[in-house]
Amino acid sequence: MIALASDHGGYDLKETVKKYLEEKGLEYKDFGCYNKESCDYPDFIKPATKAVAEGTCDRGIIICTTGIGVSICANKVPGIRCALCGDLVSAKLTRLHNDANMLSIGAGITGEFVALDIIDVFLNTPFSEDERHKRRIHKIEND
């Protein structure tokens, strides 16, 4: 299950992502927002992030205009490793090296087609399980 959330600036891209996930046969839960009226992103990002941290959802995709605010919000939750990605290499390496469990996208920065490619790479790249990466993640979470 994939947690989805956005603010008003990411709403249109979130709706596109929902259709994309449906076409791929992937389950998701939409934590909002539910329209383009101005809103406060923590109201929607925090519940989505907690669902990933608690294991209710396997991964999360969060979207705002730049991707910055939502990623900062997500990374405040213990157990979350949210990466702001605007290219395919970052999406691949954040999974391989960081075992990121949430992806942040800037809808005003990253075009729809590139965003969907980033999501595809993020969802389909496994963690490398390399000991050096495990060691670094452990240090992030425990030191």
Foldseek 3Di string as FASTA:
>chain_A
DEEEEEFLQCVVLSVVVVVVCVVVVHDYDYQDDDHNDGDDRLSRLVVRLVCCQVVVHVAYEYEHQALVVSQVSSVVDQPADEDEDQAQVSLQCCQQQVVGRYYTYRPNRHDNVRVSNSVVNNVPHHHNPDPVSVVVNCVVRPD
